[in-house]
Amino acid sequence: MSSATPEGMTLVPRPRRNFGRYAPVPLVGIVVLLVVMIILTPVLLASGKPAPGLLTQAEVVVDRTSTNSTFHFYVWALGETIRYDQIRVGVASSFNWTGTSPIAWGQLQFHTWYNDSNVLSIIVASSANPVALNISAHYTSPSGSTWYFGLVAFYVAMTSPPSGESLYSASGWPGVTVPSTLAVNNNTLPVAVLLADVGPGTPP
């Protein structure tokens, strides 16, 4: 078969298939992310309670504004509709700490406790500065249970010029990472701190 082109005819290049029209790159990225999340996220059981995992991970959200001297703490799960069997938050405020020195965690006295069971979250407000929290949350499902735990402390110091404030944080438990020093404003707060998954059994 000759590859010659008859006289008067021109070859039109075959158009490339533009799959981008049907699957734009952002859409493909979202689909891939959803597939990964489906694989990594525990499968929901018939009861509607997932196994301990990403969705049930507990966190404490810290908030404070420069015009309000009150800390607000929110203890809840990454999955917004996760119900804990129990959440306990102890508050310690009568200790000396300026944000940069080590804390004697074993000497803190948690004099105020917030306890609730079968709840989605607990909200704690405190005007103390510094303030430390002893947090434990228990989650159970037909496929397993776990405790989430954390010891954290926060202190707000005036910065120079005096119109600004800085938030200092400290952790007294392995596996709980707190943020570096933050300016107290709406661009940096609120900030979330993940609690440590200490497994089933009894809390520390």
N, C-alpha and C. Protein backbone atom coordinates (compact mmCIF):
# COMPACT_ATOMS: atom_id res chain seq x y z
N MET A 1 0.86 -1.18 0.00
CA MET A 1 0.00 0.00 0.00
C MET A 1 0.90 1.22 0.00
N SER A 2 0.61 2.15 -0.91
CA SER A 2 1.44 3.34 -1.04
C SER A 2 1.05 4.36 0.00
N SER A 3 2.07 5.03 0.51
CA SER A 3 1.81 6.07 1.49
C SER A 3 1.69 7.43 0.85
N ALA A 4 1.73 7.43 -0.50
CA ALA A 4 1.64 8.71 -1.21
C ALA A 4 0.26 9.28 -1.07
N THR A 5 0.18 10.60 -1.09
CA THR A 5 -1.11 11.28 -0.99
C THR A 5 -1.55 11.69 -2.39
N PRO A 6 -2.77 11.33 -2.76
CA PRO A 6 -3.25 11.73 -4.09
C PRO A 6 -3.15 13.23 -4.26
N GLU A 7 -2.92 13.62 -5.49
CA GLU A 7 -2.75 15.04 -5.78
C GLU A 7 -4.00 15.81 -5.44
N GLY A 8 -3.82 16.92 -4.82
CA GLY A 8 -4.96 17.77 -4.48
C GLY A 8 -5.52 17.49 -3.09
N MET A 9 -5.02 16.42 -2.47
CA MET A 9 -5.53 16.10 -1.13
C MET A 9 -4.49 16.50 -0.09
N THR A 10 -4.96 16.94 1.03
CA THR A 10 -4.06 17.28 2.13
C THR A 10 -4.44 16.44 3.35
N LEU A 11 -3.43 16.04 4.06
CA LEU A 11 -3.68 15.26 5.27
C LEU A 11 -3.95 16.18 6.44
N VAL A 12 -5.05 15.94 7.08
CA VAL A 12 -5.40 16.72 8.27
C VAL A 12 -4.95 15.92 9.50
N PRO A 13 -4.10 16.50 10.35
CA PRO A 13 -3.66 15.74 11.52
C PRO A 13 -4.82 15.36 12.41
N ARG A 14 -4.71 14.14 12.91
CA ARG A 14 -5.78 13.63 13.78
C ARG A 14 -5.81 14.45 15.06
N PRO A 15 -6.95 14.98 15.43
CA PRO A 15 -7.00 15.81 16.65
C PRO A 15 -6.70 14.99 17.89
N ARG A 16 -5.94 15.60 18.79
CA ARG A 16 -5.65 14.93 20.05
C ARG A 16 -6.89 14.93 20.94
N ARG A 17 -7.05 13.86 21.61
CA ARG A 17 -8.20 13.77 22.53
C ARG A 17 -7.90 14.59 23.78
N ASN A 18 -8.69 15.58 24.00
CA ASN A 18 -8.49 16.45 25.14
C ASN A 18 -9.33 15.96 26.31
N PHE A 19 -8.72 15.04 27.09
CA PHE A 19 -9.45 14.50 28.23
C PHE A 19 -9.62 15.53 29.33
N GLY A 20 -8.87 16.63 29.23
CA GLY A 20 -8.99 17.67 30.24
C GLY A 20 -10.39 18.27 30.29
N ARG A 21 -11.09 18.20 29.11
CA ARG A 21 -12.47 18.72 29.11
C ARG A 21 -13.36 17.90 30.02
N TYR A 22 -13.12 16.59 30.05
CA TYR A 22 -13.99 15.70 30.81
C TYR A 22 -13.46 15.43 32.22
N ALA A 23 -12.16 15.57 32.42
CA ALA A 23 -11.58 15.32 33.73
C ALA A 23 -10.52 16.37 34.04
N PRO A 24 -10.95 17.58 34.39
CA PRO A 24 -9.98 18.63 34.73
C PRO A 24 -9.09 18.20 35.89
N VAL A 25 -7.88 18.72 35.88
CA VAL A 25 -6.89 18.32 36.89
C VAL A 25 -7.40 18.51 38.31
N PRO A 26 -8.03 19.65 38.67
CA PRO A 26 -8.53 19.77 40.06
C PRO A 26 -9.53 18.69 40.43
N LEU A 27 -10.40 18.32 39.46
CA LEU A 27 -11.39 17.28 39.73
C LEU A 27 -10.71 15.93 39.96
N VAL A 28 -9.69 15.64 39.16
CA VAL A 28 -8.95 14.39 39.32
C VAL A 28 -8.29 14.36 40.70
N GLY A 29 -7.69 15.49 41.10
CA GLY A 29 -7.06 15.55 42.42
C GLY A 29 -8.04 15.30 43.54
N ILE A 30 -9.25 15.86 43.42
CA ILE A 30 -10.27 15.66 44.46
C ILE A 30 -10.69 14.20 44.51
N VAL A 31 -10.86 13.59 43.34
CA VAL A 31 -11.26 12.18 43.30
C VAL A 31 -10.19 11.31 43.94
N VAL A 32 -8.92 11.57 43.62
CA VAL A 32 -7.83 10.79 44.21
C VAL A 32 -7.81 10.96 45.72
N LEU A 33 -8.00 12.20 46.20
CA LEU A 33 -8.02 12.46 47.64
C LEU A 33 -9.16 11.71 48.31
N LEU A 34 -10.33 11.70 47.68
CA LEU A 34 -11.47 10.98 48.26
C LEU A 34 -11.20 9.48 48.32
N VAL A 35 -10.58 8.94 47.28
CA VAL A 35 -10.27 7.51 47.28
C VAL A 35 -9.31 7.18 48.41
N VAL A 36 -8.28 8.03 48.59
CA VAL A 36 -7.32 7.80 49.68
C VAL A 36 -8.01 7.87 51.02
N MET A 37 -8.91 8.85 51.19
CA MET A 37 -9.62 8.99 52.46
C MET A 37 -10.51 7.78 52.72
N ILE A 38 -11.14 7.27 51.67
CA ILE A 38 -12.00 6.09 51.83
C ILE A 38 -11.17 4.89 52.27
N ILE A 39 -9.97 4.78 51.70
CA ILE A 39 -9.11 3.65 52.05
C ILE A 39 -8.59 3.78 53.48
N LEU A 40 -8.19 4.99 53.85
CA LEU A 40 -7.58 5.18 55.17
C LEU A 40 -8.60 5.32 56.29
N THR A 41 -9.79 5.78 55.97
CA THR A 41 -10.81 5.99 57.00
C THR A 41 -11.50 4.67 57.32
N PRO A 42 -11.67 4.36 58.60
CA PRO A 42 -12.34 3.11 58.97
C PRO A 42 -13.72 3.02 58.36
N VAL A 43 -14.08 1.80 57.98
CA VAL A 43 -15.39 1.57 57.37
C VAL A 43 -16.46 1.69 58.44
N LEU A 44 -17.51 2.43 58.11
CA LEU A 44 -18.60 2.58 59.06
C LEU A 44 -19.32 1.26 59.25
N LEU A 45 -19.61 0.94 60.49
CA LEU A 45 -20.33 -0.28 60.78
C LEU A 45 -21.83 -0.04 60.69
N ALA A 46 -22.57 -1.12 60.80
CA ALA A 46 -24.03 -1.01 60.69
C ALA A 46 -24.58 -0.09 61.77
N SER A 47 -23.93 -0.03 62.91
CA SER A 47 -24.42 0.82 64.00
C SER A 47 -24.14 2.29 63.75
N GLY A 48 -23.34 2.61 62.73
CA GLY A 48 -23.01 4.00 62.44
C GLY A 48 -21.80 4.50 63.20
N LYS A 49 -21.17 3.66 64.02
CA LYS A 49 -20.00 4.08 64.78
C LYS A 49 -18.75 3.49 64.13
N PRO A 50 -17.84 4.35 63.67
CA PRO A 50 -16.62 3.83 63.04
C PRO A 50 -15.67 3.25 64.08
N ALA A 51 -14.76 2.42 63.61
CA ALA A 51 -13.70 1.93 64.48
C ALA A 51 -12.79 3.09 64.86
N PRO A 52 -12.08 3.00 65.98
CA PRO A 52 -11.14 4.07 66.34
C PRO A 52 -10.17 4.34 65.21
N GLY A 53 -10.02 5.60 64.86
CA GLY A 53 -9.16 5.96 63.74
C GLY A 53 -9.19 7.46 63.50
N LEU A 54 -9.05 7.83 62.23
CA LEU A 54 -8.93 9.23 61.88
C LEU A 54 -10.14 10.05 62.32
N LEU A 55 -11.33 9.53 62.07
CA LEU A 55 -12.53 10.30 62.40
C LEU A 55 -12.71 10.48 63.90
N THR A 56 -12.28 9.50 64.69
CA THR A 56 -12.52 9.56 66.13
C THR A 56 -11.40 10.27 66.88
N GLN A 57 -10.36 10.69 66.19
CA GLN A 57 -9.23 11.38 66.83
C GLN A 57 -9.70 12.63 67.56
N ALA A 58 -9.36 12.72 68.85
CA ALA A 58 -9.79 13.86 69.65
C ALA A 58 -8.76 14.99 69.58
N GLU A 59 -9.24 16.20 69.68
CA GLU A 59 -8.39 17.39 69.67
C GLU A 59 -8.94 18.42 70.64
N VAL A 60 -8.07 19.33 71.07
CA VAL A 60 -8.52 20.49 71.83
C VAL A 60 -8.22 21.72 70.99
N VAL A 61 -9.22 22.54 70.79
CA VAL A 61 -9.08 23.77 70.01
C VAL A 61 -8.97 24.93 71.00
N VAL A 62 -7.93 25.73 70.83
CA VAL A 62 -7.64 26.84 71.74
C VAL A 62 -7.99 28.15 71.05
N ASP A 63 -8.75 28.99 71.74
CA ASP A 63 -9.11 30.28 71.15
C ASP A 63 -9.03 31.37 72.20
N ARG A 64 -8.62 32.53 71.74
CA ARG A 64 -8.55 33.72 72.60
C ARG A 64 -8.38 34.92 71.68
N THR A 65 -8.99 36.03 72.03
CA THR A 65 -8.84 37.25 71.24
C THR A 65 -8.07 38.28 72.04
N SER A 66 -7.49 39.23 71.34
CA SER A 66 -6.71 40.26 72.02
C SER A 66 -7.58 41.21 72.83
N THR A 67 -8.87 41.21 72.56
CA THR A 67 -9.79 42.08 73.30
C THR A 67 -10.52 41.34 74.41
N ASN A 68 -10.24 40.04 74.57
CA ASN A 68 -10.92 39.24 75.59
C ASN A 68 -9.88 38.44 76.34
N SER A 69 -9.86 38.56 77.65
CA SER A 69 -8.83 37.90 78.45
C SER A 69 -9.21 36.47 78.82
N THR A 70 -10.22 35.93 78.21
CA THR A 70 -10.69 34.58 78.53
C THR A 70 -10.23 33.58 77.48
N PHE A 71 -9.66 32.46 77.93
CA PHE A 71 -9.38 31.33 77.05
C PHE A 71 -10.67 30.56 76.81
N HIS A 72 -10.83 30.06 75.59
CA HIS A 72 -11.91 29.13 75.29
C HIS A 72 -11.30 27.86 74.72
N PHE A 73 -11.68 26.72 75.29
CA PHE A 73 -11.16 25.42 74.86
C PHE A 73 -12.32 24.54 74.41
N TYR A 74 -12.15 23.91 73.27
CA TYR A 74 -13.18 23.03 72.72
C TYR A 74 -12.57 21.65 72.52
N VAL A 75 -13.10 20.65 73.22
CA VAL A 75 -12.62 19.28 73.08
C VAL A 75 -13.64 18.51 72.27
N TRP A 76 -13.22 18.03 71.09
CA TRP A 76 -14.11 17.28 70.20
C TRP A 76 -13.28 16.44 69.25
N ALA A 77 -13.95 15.76 68.31
CA ALA A 77 -13.27 14.86 67.39
C ALA A 77 -13.08 15.52 66.03
N LEU A 78 -12.12 15.01 65.27
CA LEU A 78 -11.94 15.48 63.90
C LEU A 78 -13.20 15.23 63.08
N GLY A 79 -13.83 14.07 63.29
CA GLY A 79 -15.13 13.81 62.69
C GLY A 79 -16.19 14.48 63.54
N GLU A 80 -16.92 15.41 62.97
CA GLU A 80 -17.76 16.30 63.77
C GLU A 80 -18.90 15.60 64.50
N THR A 81 -19.27 14.40 64.07
CA THR A 81 -20.42 13.73 64.68
C THR A 81 -20.01 12.52 65.49
N ILE A 82 -18.80 12.53 66.03
CA ILE A 82 -18.33 11.42 66.85
C ILE A 82 -18.75 11.64 68.30
N ARG A 83 -19.39 10.64 68.87
CA ARG A 83 -19.86 10.73 70.26
C ARG A 83 -18.92 9.94 71.16
N TYR A 84 -18.42 10.61 72.20
CA TYR A 84 -17.53 9.97 73.16
C TYR A 84 -18.34 9.42 74.34
N ASP A 85 -17.87 8.30 74.86
CA ASP A 85 -18.51 7.76 76.07
C ASP A 85 -18.29 8.70 77.24
N GLN A 86 -17.10 9.31 77.26
CA GLN A 86 -16.77 10.19 78.39
C GLN A 86 -15.70 11.19 77.95
N ILE A 87 -15.85 12.42 78.41
CA ILE A 87 -14.82 13.45 78.25
C ILE A 87 -14.62 14.10 79.61
N ARG A 88 -13.34 14.19 80.03
CA ARG A 88 -13.01 14.83 81.30
C ARG A 88 -11.93 15.87 81.04
N VAL A 89 -12.12 17.06 81.59
CA VAL A 89 -11.14 18.14 81.46
C VAL A 89 -10.90 18.72 82.84
N GLY A 90 -9.66 18.61 83.31
CA GLY A 90 -9.26 19.23 84.57
C GLY A 90 -8.51 20.52 84.29
N VAL A 91 -8.75 21.53 85.12
CA VAL A 91 -8.15 22.85 84.92
C VAL A 91 -7.26 23.19 86.13
N ALA A 92 -6.02 23.55 85.85
CA ALA A 92 -5.10 24.02 86.88
C ALA A 92 -4.70 25.45 86.56
N SER A 93 -4.72 26.32 87.55
CA SER A 93 -4.42 27.73 87.29
C SER A 93 -3.47 28.35 88.29
N SER A 94 -3.30 27.76 89.44
CA SER A 94 -2.46 28.37 90.48
C SER A 94 -1.03 27.83 90.39
N PHE A 95 -0.33 28.19 89.34
CA PHE A 95 1.07 27.79 89.22
C PHE A 95 1.83 28.91 88.51
N ASN A 96 3.13 28.92 88.73
CA ASN A 96 3.97 29.98 88.20
C ASN A 96 4.66 29.52 86.93
N TRP A 97 4.33 30.14 85.82
CA TRP A 97 4.93 29.79 84.53
C TRP A 97 4.79 30.99 83.59
N THR A 98 5.86 31.32 82.91
CA THR A 98 5.84 32.48 82.01
C THR A 98 5.99 32.09 80.55
N GLY A 99 5.83 30.81 80.27
CA GLY A 99 5.83 30.39 78.87
C GLY A 99 7.15 29.88 78.35
N THR A 100 8.25 30.14 79.03
CA THR A 100 9.56 29.74 78.51
C THR A 100 10.28 28.73 79.40
N SER A 101 9.92 28.64 80.65
CA SER A 101 10.59 27.71 81.58
C SER A 101 9.86 26.37 81.58
N PRO A 102 10.54 25.30 82.03
CA PRO A 102 9.87 23.99 82.14
C PRO A 102 8.76 24.02 83.19
N ILE A 103 7.79 23.13 83.03
CA ILE A 103 6.67 23.03 83.96
C ILE A 103 6.83 21.75 84.78
N ALA A 104 6.62 21.85 86.09
CA ALA A 104 6.61 20.66 86.95
C ALA A 104 5.21 20.05 86.88
N TRP A 105 4.98 19.24 85.85
CA TRP A 105 3.64 18.73 85.59
C TRP A 105 3.10 17.92 86.77
N GLY A 106 3.95 17.17 87.42
CA GLY A 106 3.49 16.34 88.53
C GLY A 106 3.03 17.12 89.73
N GLN A 107 3.37 18.39 89.80
CA GLN A 107 2.97 19.21 90.95
C GLN A 107 1.72 20.05 90.69
N LEU A 108 1.21 20.00 89.48
CA LEU A 108 0.01 20.79 89.18
C LEU A 108 -1.20 20.20 89.90
N GLN A 109 -2.05 21.07 90.38
CA GLN A 109 -3.29 20.66 91.04
C GLN A 109 -4.47 21.06 90.17
N PHE A 110 -5.16 20.07 89.63
CA PHE A 110 -6.32 20.32 88.78
C PHE A 110 -7.55 20.38 89.68
N HIS A 111 -7.88 21.60 90.07
CA HIS A 111 -8.90 21.81 91.09
C HIS A 111 -10.31 21.88 90.53
N THR A 112 -10.45 22.14 89.24
CA THR A 112 -11.77 22.23 88.62
C THR A 112 -11.87 21.19 87.53
N TRP A 113 -12.96 20.40 87.56
CA TRP A 113 -13.12 19.33 86.58
C TRP A 113 -14.45 19.50 85.83
N TYR A 114 -14.38 19.27 84.54
CA TYR A 114 -15.57 19.24 83.69
C TYR A 114 -15.71 17.81 83.19
N ASN A 115 -16.81 17.17 83.54
CA ASN A 115 -17.05 15.78 83.19
C ASN A 115 -18.39 15.66 82.49
N ASP A 116 -18.43 14.85 81.45
CA ASP A 116 -19.70 14.56 80.81
C ASP A 116 -19.57 13.24 80.07
N SER A 117 -20.69 12.57 79.89
CA SER A 117 -20.69 11.28 79.22
C SER A 117 -21.67 11.30 78.06
N ASN A 118 -21.39 10.45 77.07
CA ASN A 118 -22.24 10.33 75.89
C ASN A 118 -22.44 11.68 75.21
N VAL A 119 -21.31 12.37 74.93
CA VAL A 119 -21.37 13.71 74.37
C VAL A 119 -20.45 13.84 73.16
N LEU A 120 -20.73 14.86 72.36
CA LEU A 120 -19.90 15.16 71.20
C LEU A 120 -18.70 16.03 71.57
N SER A 121 -18.87 16.88 72.59
CA SER A 121 -17.80 17.82 72.92
C SER A 121 -18.00 18.38 74.32
N ILE A 122 -16.93 19.01 74.80
CA ILE A 122 -16.99 19.80 76.04
C ILE A 122 -16.31 21.14 75.75
N ILE A 123 -16.91 22.21 76.25
CA ILE A 123 -16.35 23.55 76.08
C ILE A 123 -16.00 24.11 77.45
N VAL A 124 -14.77 24.59 77.58
CA VAL A 124 -14.28 25.12 78.85
C VAL A 124 -13.79 26.55 78.63
N ALA A 125 -14.18 27.45 79.51
CA ALA A 125 -13.69 28.83 79.47
C ALA A 125 -12.93 29.11 80.75
N SER A 126 -11.79 29.81 80.61
CA SER A 126 -10.99 30.14 81.78
C SER A 126 -10.31 31.48 81.58
N SER A 127 -10.37 32.32 82.59
CA SER A 127 -9.69 33.62 82.54
C SER A 127 -8.31 33.54 83.20
N ALA A 128 -7.91 32.34 83.67
CA ALA A 128 -6.60 32.18 84.31
C ALA A 128 -5.49 32.32 83.28
N ASN A 129 -4.35 32.81 83.73
CA ASN A 129 -3.18 32.97 82.86
C ASN A 129 -1.92 32.88 83.72
N PRO A 130 -1.21 31.76 83.67
CA PRO A 130 -1.34 30.63 82.76
C PRO A 130 -2.47 29.68 83.18
N VAL A 131 -2.76 28.74 82.29
CA VAL A 131 -3.76 27.72 82.57
C VAL A 131 -3.28 26.40 81.97
N ALA A 132 -3.53 25.31 82.69
CA ALA A 132 -3.15 23.97 82.22
C ALA A 132 -4.38 23.08 82.18
N LEU A 133 -4.39 22.16 81.25
CA LEU A 133 -5.53 21.26 81.07
C LEU A 133 -5.06 19.82 81.13
N ASN A 134 -5.84 19.01 81.82
CA ASN A 134 -5.66 17.56 81.87
C ASN A 134 -6.88 16.97 81.17
N ILE A 135 -6.69 16.46 79.96
CA ILE A 135 -7.82 16.08 79.11
C ILE A 135 -7.78 14.58 78.83
N SER A 136 -8.93 13.93 78.97
CA SER A 136 -9.07 12.54 78.55
C SER A 136 -10.44 12.37 77.91
N ALA A 137 -10.46 11.61 76.83
CA ALA A 137 -11.71 11.32 76.13
C ALA A 137 -11.71 9.85 75.76
N HIS A 138 -12.81 9.16 76.05
CA HIS A 138 -12.90 7.72 75.76
C HIS A 138 -13.92 7.49 74.65
N TYR A 139 -13.48 6.69 73.68
CA TYR A 139 -14.37 6.35 72.57
C TYR A 139 -14.45 4.84 72.45
N THR A 140 -15.65 4.33 72.20
CA THR A 140 -15.83 2.90 72.01
C THR A 140 -16.80 2.64 70.87
N SER A 141 -16.57 1.53 70.17
CA SER A 141 -17.44 1.09 69.08
C SER A 141 -17.43 -0.43 69.09
N PRO A 142 -18.32 -1.06 68.34
CA PRO A 142 -18.32 -2.53 68.30
C PRO A 142 -16.99 -3.14 67.87
N SER A 143 -16.15 -2.37 67.17
CA SER A 143 -14.88 -2.93 66.69
C SER A 143 -13.68 -2.49 67.51
N GLY A 144 -13.88 -1.78 68.61
CA GLY A 144 -12.75 -1.40 69.44
C GLY A 144 -12.99 -0.12 70.21
N SER A 145 -12.06 0.18 71.11
CA SER A 145 -12.17 1.39 71.92
C SER A 145 -10.78 1.96 72.15
N THR A 146 -10.73 3.22 72.55
CA THR A 146 -9.45 3.85 72.83
C THR A 146 -9.65 5.08 73.70
N TRP A 147 -8.56 5.49 74.36
CA TRP A 147 -8.53 6.72 75.13
C TRP A 147 -7.67 7.73 74.39
N TYR A 148 -8.08 8.98 74.43
CA TYR A 148 -7.27 10.09 73.95
C TYR A 148 -6.92 10.94 75.16
N PHE A 149 -5.64 11.34 75.22
CA PHE A 149 -5.17 11.99 76.44
C PHE A 149 -4.19 13.11 76.11
N GLY A 150 -4.17 14.12 76.98
CA GLY A 150 -3.20 15.19 76.80
C GLY A 150 -3.06 16.06 78.03
N LEU A 151 -1.83 16.50 78.31
CA LEU A 151 -1.54 17.52 79.31
C LEU A 151 -0.97 18.72 78.56
N VAL A 152 -1.66 19.84 78.62
CA VAL A 152 -1.22 21.02 77.88
C VAL A 152 -1.36 22.26 78.76
N ALA A 153 -0.52 23.25 78.48
CA ALA A 153 -0.58 24.51 79.23
C ALA A 153 -0.43 25.67 78.26
N PHE A 154 -1.04 26.80 78.62
CA PHE A 154 -1.02 27.98 77.76
C PHE A 154 -0.83 29.23 78.62
N TYR A 155 -0.10 30.17 78.04
CA TYR A 155 0.18 31.42 78.73
C TYR A 155 0.24 32.54 77.69
N VAL A 156 -0.41 33.66 78.00
CA VAL A 156 -0.39 34.81 77.11
C VAL A 156 0.45 35.91 77.75
N ALA A 157 1.45 36.39 77.01
CA ALA A 157 2.33 37.45 77.49
C ALA A 157 2.18 38.67 76.61
N MET A 158 2.29 39.83 77.22
CA MET A 158 2.28 41.07 76.46
C MET A 158 3.59 41.18 75.69
N THR A 159 3.49 41.62 74.46
CA THR A 159 4.68 41.80 73.63
C THR A 159 4.98 43.28 73.51
N SER A 160 6.11 43.58 72.93
CA SER A 160 6.51 44.97 72.74
C SER A 160 6.27 45.36 71.28
N PRO A 161 5.50 46.37 71.01
CA PRO A 161 4.83 47.29 71.94
C PRO A 161 3.70 46.60 72.71
N PRO A 162 3.25 47.20 73.80
CA PRO A 162 2.26 46.55 74.66
C PRO A 162 0.92 46.25 74.00
N SER A 163 0.71 46.73 72.80
CA SER A 163 -0.58 46.50 72.16
C SER A 163 -0.75 45.07 71.69
N GLY A 164 0.34 44.29 71.66
CA GLY A 164 0.25 42.92 71.16
C GLY A 164 0.36 41.89 72.26
N GLU A 165 -0.06 40.66 71.95
CA GLU A 165 0.03 39.55 72.88
C GLU A 165 0.58 38.33 72.15
N SER A 166 1.29 37.48 72.89
CA SER A 166 1.82 36.25 72.33
C SER A 166 1.34 35.07 73.15
N LEU A 167 0.98 33.98 72.46
CA LEU A 167 0.50 32.77 73.12
C LEU A 167 1.64 31.76 73.19
N TYR A 168 1.99 31.34 74.41
CA TYR A 168 2.98 30.29 74.63
C TYR A 168 2.25 29.00 74.98
N SER A 169 2.80 27.88 74.51
CA SER A 169 2.16 26.59 74.75
C SER A 169 3.20 25.58 75.21
N ALA A 170 2.75 24.59 75.99
CA ALA A 170 3.64 23.52 76.45
C ALA A 170 2.84 22.23 76.54
N SER A 171 3.52 21.11 76.32
CA SER A 171 2.90 19.80 76.42
C SER A 171 3.62 18.98 77.47
N GLY A 172 2.84 18.27 78.28
CA GLY A 172 3.41 17.42 79.31
C GLY A 172 3.18 15.95 79.03
N TRP A 173 2.86 15.62 77.78
CA TRP A 173 2.60 14.22 77.45
C TRP A 173 3.23 13.88 76.11
N PRO A 174 3.94 12.74 76.00
CA PRO A 174 4.54 12.35 74.71
C PRO A 174 3.48 12.16 73.64
N GLY A 175 3.78 12.62 72.46
CA GLY A 175 2.85 12.47 71.35
C GLY A 175 1.88 13.61 71.17
N VAL A 176 1.90 14.56 72.09
CA VAL A 176 1.05 15.75 71.97
C VAL A 176 1.94 16.92 71.59
N THR A 177 1.73 17.46 70.40
CA THR A 177 2.55 18.54 69.88
C THR A 177 1.77 19.85 69.93
N VAL A 178 2.35 20.84 70.58
CA VAL A 178 1.70 22.14 70.68
C VAL A 178 2.36 23.11 69.71
N PRO A 179 1.67 24.17 69.33
CA PRO A 179 2.25 25.12 68.37
C PRO A 179 3.36 25.96 68.98
N SER A 180 4.21 26.48 68.12
CA SER A 180 5.22 27.43 68.57
C SER A 180 4.53 28.72 68.99
N THR A 181 5.28 29.66 69.51
CA THR A 181 4.71 30.93 69.98
C THR A 181 3.92 31.60 68.87
N LEU A 182 2.71 32.02 69.20
CA LEU A 182 1.81 32.63 68.22
C LEU A 182 1.39 34.02 68.68
N ALA A 183 1.21 34.91 67.73
CA ALA A 183 0.59 36.20 68.04
C ALA A 183 -0.90 35.96 68.26
N VAL A 184 -1.45 36.64 69.24
CA VAL A 184 -2.88 36.48 69.55
C VAL A 184 -3.67 37.40 68.62
N ASN A 185 -4.18 36.84 67.55
CA ASN A 185 -5.05 37.59 66.64
C ASN A 185 -5.89 36.62 65.84
N ASN A 186 -6.79 37.15 65.05
CA ASN A 186 -7.72 36.31 64.30
C ASN A 186 -7.06 35.54 63.16
N ASN A 187 -5.83 35.89 62.81
CA ASN A 187 -5.13 35.17 61.76
C ASN A 187 -4.43 33.91 62.26
N THR A 188 -4.13 33.84 63.54
CA THR A 188 -3.42 32.69 64.10
C THR A 188 -4.28 31.81 64.99
N LEU A 189 -5.31 32.36 65.58
CA LEU A 189 -6.21 31.61 66.45
C LEU A 189 -7.61 31.58 65.86
N PRO A 190 -8.36 30.51 66.11
CA PRO A 190 -8.07 29.37 66.98
C PRO A 190 -7.03 28.43 66.37
N VAL A 191 -6.45 27.59 67.25
CA VAL A 191 -5.47 26.60 66.83
C VAL A 191 -5.84 25.27 67.48
N ALA A 192 -5.63 24.17 66.74
CA ALA A 192 -6.00 22.84 67.24
C ALA A 192 -4.77 22.06 67.67
N VAL A 193 -4.91 21.30 68.75
CA VAL A 193 -3.86 20.42 69.26
C VAL A 193 -4.43 19.01 69.34
N LEU A 194 -3.81 18.07 68.62
CA LEU A 194 -4.28 16.69 68.63
C LEU A 194 -3.86 16.01 69.92
N LEU A 195 -4.78 15.28 70.54
CA LEU A 195 -4.47 14.53 71.74
C LEU A 195 -3.81 13.20 71.36
N ALA A 196 -3.12 12.59 72.33
CA ALA A 196 -2.44 11.33 72.06
C ALA A 196 -3.42 10.16 72.17
N ASP A 197 -3.31 9.22 71.25
CA ASP A 197 -4.12 7.99 71.30
C ASP A 197 -3.35 7.00 72.16
N VAL A 198 -3.84 6.75 73.37
CA VAL A 198 -3.12 5.88 74.32
C VAL A 198 -3.70 4.48 74.35
N GLY A 199 -4.64 4.17 73.47
CA GLY A 199 -5.15 2.82 73.36
C GLY A 199 -6.25 2.50 74.36
N PRO A 200 -6.70 1.24 74.36
CA PRO A 200 -7.77 0.84 75.29
C PRO A 200 -7.24 0.68 76.71
N GLY A 201 -8.12 0.39 77.61
CA GLY A 201 -7.72 0.24 79.01
C GLY A 201 -8.18 1.41 79.84
N THR A 202 -7.33 1.87 80.72
CA THR A 202 -7.66 2.99 81.59
C THR A 202 -6.79 4.18 81.23
N PRO A 203 -7.28 5.39 81.41
CA PRO A 203 -6.47 6.57 81.07
C PRO A 203 -5.30 6.73 82.03
N PRO A 204 -4.24 7.44 81.62
CA PRO A 204 -3.08 7.64 82.48
C PRO A 204 -3.45 8.35 83.78
